[in-house]
Protein backbone atom coordinates (compact mmCIF):
# COMPACT_ATOMS: atom_id res chain seq x y z
CA MET A 1 14.20 27.19 -10.33
CA SER A 2 12.29 27.29 -8.01
CA ALA A 3 13.68 26.66 -4.29
CA ALA A 4 11.27 23.40 -4.18
CA SER A 5 12.75 21.68 -7.13
CA THR A 6 16.54 22.38 -5.61
CA VAL A 7 15.62 20.06 -2.36
CA THR A 8 18.03 17.54 -1.90
CA THR A 9 17.46 16.01 1.37
CA ILE A 10 14.50 14.90 3.92
CA SER A 11 14.27 16.79 6.98
CA THR A 12 14.21 14.31 10.01
CA PRO A 13 14.36 16.50 13.26
CA THR A 14 13.11 13.63 15.36
CA LEU A 15 15.74 11.44 14.04
CA ASP A 16 18.54 14.25 14.55
CA SER A 17 17.61 14.69 18.21
CA GLU A 18 16.87 11.42 19.24
CA SER A 19 19.93 9.99 17.29
CA PRO A 20 22.61 9.84 19.81
CA ALA A 21 20.38 8.31 22.71
CA LEU A 22 18.85 5.90 20.53
CA LEU A 23 22.66 4.44 19.53
CA GLN A 24 23.40 4.21 22.92
CA SER A 25 20.49 2.54 23.78
CA ILE A 26 21.11 0.03 20.67
CA THR A 27 24.78 -0.55 21.94
CA SER A 28 23.98 -1.06 25.38
CA HIS A 29 21.80 -4.04 24.46
CA GLY A 30 24.73 -5.41 22.06
CA GLY A 31 24.24 -3.57 18.69
CA TYR A 32 27.64 -2.68 18.63
CA ALA A 33 28.24 -3.23 14.95
CA TYR A 34 24.92 -1.72 14.38
CA ALA A 35 25.82 1.40 15.70
CA GLY A 36 29.01 1.84 14.03
CA MET A 37 27.40 1.44 10.53
CA ALA A 38 24.47 3.88 11.45
CA THR A 39 27.18 6.61 12.46
CA LEU A 40 28.51 6.13 9.22
CA ALA A 41 25.36 6.06 7.09
CA ALA A 42 24.49 9.14 8.97
CA ALA A 43 28.21 10.48 8.02
CA GLY A 44 27.10 9.59 4.18
CA ASP A 45 27.93 6.32 3.79
CA GLN A 46 25.17 4.39 2.11
CA ARG A 47 26.51 1.01 2.17
CA ALA A 48 26.78 1.29 5.95
CA ALA A 49 23.13 2.65 5.66
CA GLU A 50 22.25 -0.89 3.80
CA ALA A 51 24.19 -2.89 6.53
CA ALA A 52 22.50 -1.29 9.30
CA ARG A 53 19.43 -2.12 7.52
CA GLU A 54 20.03 -5.86 7.31
CA MET A 55 20.98 -5.76 10.90
CA ALA A 56 18.02 -4.24 12.22
CA TRP A 57 15.82 -6.78 9.87
CA GLU A 58 17.81 -9.99 11.34
CA GLN A 59 17.03 -8.60 14.87
CA LEU A 60 12.96 -8.24 13.92
CA HIS A 61 13.31 -12.01 12.54
CA SER A 62 15.33 -13.39 15.78
CA GLY A 63 12.16 -14.54 16.85
CA PRO A 64 8.57 -14.07 17.60
CA TRP A 65 6.98 -10.46 17.05
CA HIS A 66 6.65 -10.14 20.95
CA SER A 67 9.89 -11.25 21.87
CA VAL A 68 11.85 -8.73 19.61
CA LEU A 69 13.36 -6.00 22.07
CA PRO A 70 11.53 -2.35 20.73
CA VAL A 71 14.93 -0.50 20.28
CA TRP A 72 15.75 -3.07 17.25
CA ARG A 73 12.24 -1.80 15.64
CA ASP A 74 13.54 1.74 15.92
CA ALA A 75 16.98 1.05 14.92
CA TYR A 76 15.24 -0.45 11.56
CA SER A 77 13.34 2.69 11.31
CA MET A 78 16.44 4.62 11.75
CA ALA A 79 18.34 2.52 9.07
CA CYS A 80 15.00 3.09 6.79
CA LEU A 81 15.25 6.60 6.98
CA HIS A 82 18.96 6.72 6.38
CA MET A 83 18.34 4.78 3.09
CA ALA A 84 15.17 7.05 2.19
CA LYS A 85 17.55 10.00 2.19
CA PHE A 86 20.11 8.65 0.17
CA HIS A 87 17.56 7.47 -2.46
CA PHE A 88 15.80 10.91 -2.24
CA SER A 89 19.20 12.88 -2.76
CA ASN A 90 19.56 10.73 -5.91
CA GLY A 91 16.48 11.45 -7.49
CA GLU A 92 15.02 7.62 -6.73
CA PHE A 93 11.58 8.28 -5.35
CA ARG A 94 9.91 5.08 -5.69
CA ASP A 95 13.10 3.48 -3.70
CA ALA A 96 12.66 6.35 -1.33
CA LEU A 97 8.80 5.54 -0.59
CA ARG A 98 9.67 1.87 -0.55
CA ALA A 99 12.38 2.16 2.08
CA LEU A 100 9.97 4.69 4.13
CA ASP A 101 6.75 2.23 3.69
CA MET A 102 9.24 -0.58 5.39
CA GLY A 103 9.71 2.19 8.29
CA ILE A 104 6.44 2.56 8.82
CA ILE A 105 5.47 -1.30 8.71
CA MET A 106 7.83 -3.15 10.60
CA GLY A 107 9.71 -0.26 12.79
CA GLY A 108 8.76 1.08 16.05
CA PRO A 109 6.85 4.64 16.99
CA LEU A 110 10.12 6.69 17.94
CA LEU A 111 10.41 7.85 14.51
CA ARG A 112 6.98 7.66 13.25
CA LYS A 113 6.72 11.74 12.67
CA ASP A 114 10.24 11.80 10.55
CA LEU A 115 8.76 8.58 8.04
CA ASP A 116 5.28 10.17 7.77
CA SER A 117 6.46 13.61 7.06
CA ALA A 118 9.49 12.09 4.82
CA ILE A 119 6.56 10.24 2.57
CA GLU A 120 4.66 13.68 2.22
CA ALA A 121 7.97 14.97 1.15
CA VAL A 122 9.39 12.31 -1.41
CA SER A 123 5.42 11.81 -2.56
CA ALA A 124 5.19 16.08 -3.33
CA ALA A 125 8.72 15.75 -4.96
CA LYS A 126 7.68 12.51 -7.20
CA ALA A 127 4.60 14.44 -8.00
CA ARG A 128 6.17 17.48 -9.32
CA ARG A 129 8.40 15.59 -11.42
CA ASP A 130 6.03 13.19 -12.92
CA HIS A 131 3.84 16.70 -13.94
CA ASN A 132 7.06 17.92 -15.55
CA GLY A 133 7.24 14.70 -17.30
CA GLY A 134 10.26 13.49 -16.04
CA ALA A 135 8.45 10.36 -14.22
CA ASP A 136 10.26 6.87 -14.90
CA ALA A 137 9.78 5.17 -18.26
CA ASP A 138 8.70 1.81 -16.17
CA ASN A 139 5.95 4.06 -14.21
CA GLU A 140 3.64 4.27 -17.27
CA ASP A 141 1.51 1.53 -17.54
CA PRO A 142 0.89 0.62 -21.06
CA GLU A 143 -2.70 -0.37 -20.20
CA LYS A 144 -3.83 2.83 -19.14
CA ALA A 145 -4.81 4.52 -22.43
CA ARG A 146 -6.75 1.33 -23.24
CA CYS A 147 -8.97 1.34 -20.11
CA ARG A 148 -8.61 3.06 -16.68
CA LEU A 149 -11.13 0.84 -15.04
CA LEU A 150 -9.94 -2.42 -13.43
CA VAL A 151 -13.32 -3.99 -13.92
CA CYS A 152 -15.11 -2.63 -17.00
CA PRO A 153 -18.71 -2.71 -16.58
CA GLU A 154 -19.16 -4.17 -20.52
CA GLN A 155 -16.87 -7.00 -19.45
CA LEU A 156 -19.01 -8.60 -17.03
CA ASP A 157 -21.46 -11.38 -18.13
CA LYS A 158 -24.53 -10.27 -16.64
CA SER A 159 -26.15 -13.85 -17.46
CA GLU A 160 -23.46 -15.83 -16.10
CA LEU A 161 -24.15 -13.68 -12.55
CA LEU A 162 -28.00 -14.30 -12.68
CA ARG A 163 -27.26 -18.04 -12.80
CA ILE A 164 -25.63 -18.04 -9.63
CA LEU A 165 -29.23 -16.74 -8.15
CA PRO A 166 -31.99 -19.60 -7.60
CA ILE A 167 -34.16 -20.17 -10.19
CA ARG A 168 -36.40 -17.27 -10.85
CA SER A 169 -35.29 -15.15 -7.76
CA LEU A 170 -35.56 -12.19 -9.78
CA SER A 171 -38.88 -13.16 -12.14
CA SER A 172 -41.16 -13.50 -8.83
CA LYS A 173 -44.40 -10.67 -9.19
CA ILE A 174 -44.70 -11.45 -5.65
CA VAL A 175 -41.69 -10.04 -4.36
CA GLY A 176 -41.55 -6.57 -4.88
CA ARG A 177 -38.65 -4.28 -5.82
CA ARG A 178 -37.46 -0.88 -4.47
CA SER A 179 -34.68 1.20 -5.31
CA ALA A 180 -32.17 2.75 -2.79
CA LEU A 181 -33.87 1.36 -0.03
CA SER A 182 -32.99 2.96 3.33
CA LEU A 183 -31.62 0.51 6.23
CA GLU A 184 -34.39 1.73 8.02
CA GLY A 185 -36.82 1.33 5.61
CA PHE A 186 -35.59 -2.23 5.14
CA LEU A 187 -36.12 -3.09 8.87
CA ARG A 188 -39.12 -1.44 9.27
CA GLU A 189 -41.14 -2.70 5.99
CA TYR A 190 -39.49 -5.78 5.29
CA PHE A 191 -37.44 -7.10 7.76
CA LEU A 192 -39.67 -7.14 10.89
CA SER A 193 -42.50 -8.63 9.07
CA GLY A 194 -40.64 -11.62 6.99
CA SER A 195 -41.31 -9.81 3.93
CA PRO A 196 -38.74 -10.28 1.00
CA VAL A 197 -37.77 -7.43 -1.14
CA ILE A 198 -35.26 -7.18 -4.22
CA ILE A 199 -33.38 -4.01 -3.54
CA THR A 200 -31.49 -2.24 -5.92
CA ASP A 201 -28.98 0.97 -6.80
CA CYS A 202 -27.99 0.56 -3.09
CA MET A 203 -24.39 0.13 -3.89
CA THR A 204 -24.05 2.92 -6.60
CA HIS A 205 -22.05 5.08 -4.02
CA TRP A 206 -19.74 2.42 -2.66
CA ALA A 207 -16.13 3.44 -3.56
CA ALA A 208 -15.53 -0.16 -4.75
CA ARG A 209 -17.86 1.20 -8.06
CA THR A 210 -16.25 4.25 -8.71
CA ARG A 211 -13.12 5.58 -7.03
CA TRP A 212 -11.40 1.74 -6.21
CA ASN A 213 -11.44 0.62 -9.88
CA ASP A 214 -10.56 3.87 -11.26
CA MET A 215 -6.91 3.04 -12.09
CA ASP A 216 -5.73 6.85 -12.25
CA TYR A 217 -7.33 7.34 -8.62
CA LEU A 218 -5.14 4.19 -7.34
CA ARG A 219 -2.27 5.25 -8.56
CA ARG A 220 -2.55 8.93 -7.03
CA VAL A 221 -3.50 7.96 -3.34
CA ALA A 222 -1.29 4.70 -3.69
CA GLY A 223 1.54 5.58 -5.95
CA ASP A 224 4.64 3.30 -5.49
CA ARG A 225 3.75 2.63 -1.65
CA THR A 226 4.31 -0.74 -0.26
CA VAL A 227 1.28 -2.52 0.98
CA PRO A 228 0.48 -5.39 3.34
CA VAL A 229 -1.47 -8.14 1.24
CA GLU A 230 -3.85 -10.94 2.46
CA PHE A 231 -2.46 -14.24 1.88
CA GLU A 232 -5.42 -15.23 -0.39
CA MET A 233 -4.26 -12.85 -2.45
CA LEU A 234 -0.64 -13.61 -2.35
CA PHE A 235 -1.35 -16.86 -3.38
CA ARG A 236 -2.75 -15.86 -6.72
CA LEU A 237 -0.54 -12.99 -7.44
CA GLU A 238 2.56 -15.15 -6.37
CA LYS A 239 4.12 -14.76 -9.65
CA THR A 240 4.42 -10.77 -9.29
CA THR A 241 7.24 -8.50 -8.19
CA TYR A 242 7.28 -8.55 -4.32
CA VAL A 243 9.70 -6.28 -2.17
CA GLN A 244 12.97 -7.81 -1.79
CA ASN A 245 13.14 -8.26 1.97
CA GLY A 246 11.84 -11.94 2.29
CA SER A 247 8.25 -10.76 3.78
CA LYS A 248 5.86 -12.43 1.40
CA ASN A 249 3.14 -10.28 2.61
CA LEU A 250 4.57 -7.26 1.38
CA LEU A 251 3.88 -5.98 -2.14
CA HIS A 252 4.70 -2.88 -4.06
CA PHE A 253 1.46 -1.68 -5.52
CA PRO A 254 2.29 -1.19 -8.79
CA SER A 255 3.09 -4.64 -9.08
CA PHE A 256 -0.27 -5.76 -7.24
CA LEU A 257 -2.27 -3.76 -10.29
CA ARG A 258 -0.31 -5.51 -13.11
CA GLY A 259 -0.68 -8.81 -11.43
CA PHE A 260 -4.60 -7.57 -10.87
CA ASN A 261 -4.65 -6.80 -14.48
CA LEU A 262 -2.92 -10.18 -15.67
CA MET A 263 -5.28 -12.40 -13.54
CA ALA A 264 -8.05 -10.34 -14.57
CA ALA A 265 -7.76 -11.17 -18.34
CA GLU A 266 -8.23 -14.94 -17.29
CA VAL A 267 -10.93 -14.66 -14.68
CA ARG A 268 -13.58 -11.61 -14.55
CA SER A 269 -15.87 -11.96 -11.68
CA PRO A 270 -17.31 -9.96 -8.93
CA PRO A 271 -15.06 -11.47 -6.32
CA ILE A 272 -12.27 -10.28 -7.65
CA LEU A 273 -13.30 -6.75 -7.14
CA HIS A 274 -14.44 -7.36 -3.87
CA ASN A 275 -11.03 -8.80 -2.83
CA THR A 276 -8.82 -6.16 -4.61
CA SER A 277 -11.50 -3.46 -2.37
CA CYS A 278 -11.00 -5.20 0.75
CA LEU A 279 -7.12 -4.57 0.45
CA ILE A 280 -7.22 -1.12 -0.59
CA GLY A 281 -9.23 -0.52 2.36
């Protein structure tokens, strides 16, 4: 068995060195209970880690974002790191990633390096386990074998798309056609003179047409990460599984993909792909 496969803990050098000063600062701002729970968490008490995270979460939502003391954001990051360590040692890589993502999204800057390095470590460990056939059973999407694309080209109704355009907008012989026309060429040859032109093959290189439409690629780069979702998409995916933290704008990425597939089964149109592309960035 290799040394890499026997790693059961996450290295957190910044947390180890800054923990005493951070706990003292939290205590000075009234966080006596949090400091006690965090100390127990560092000693191996998972329930205490959960309690500390809940305490910090409540402080983050005690008022408007700008009114929350920065020390409580760092306290939340600390609790998330403790929780991630427990999940990682138990082989619960998905839960570990979720805790770390929440620490990055909602936490402060003090422990950011530890959070980033921990995500790399957990992702690498999960990739090794998945490669060896030890992935979680519910991690396998039944739609994967059938279709790897979010939007299959053959499922698009071209006649419906053409109806959106003005009548005969693509049939006039007066309007020229140019393939893969550059921006400079468009400005010089058509825009300045006010001449219309039909431009084709200008979006074939877009990631939304290739990588972002590939389910395997999305799983590989996003995996079990937690992502912020725009309100419009939240409304349309309201029945999917959200992160259990009371925040309606943070979504488990595999849940987003499952919700998208269900939604795309009923409505298939380019705007859906466009919204998804904006979300993934």
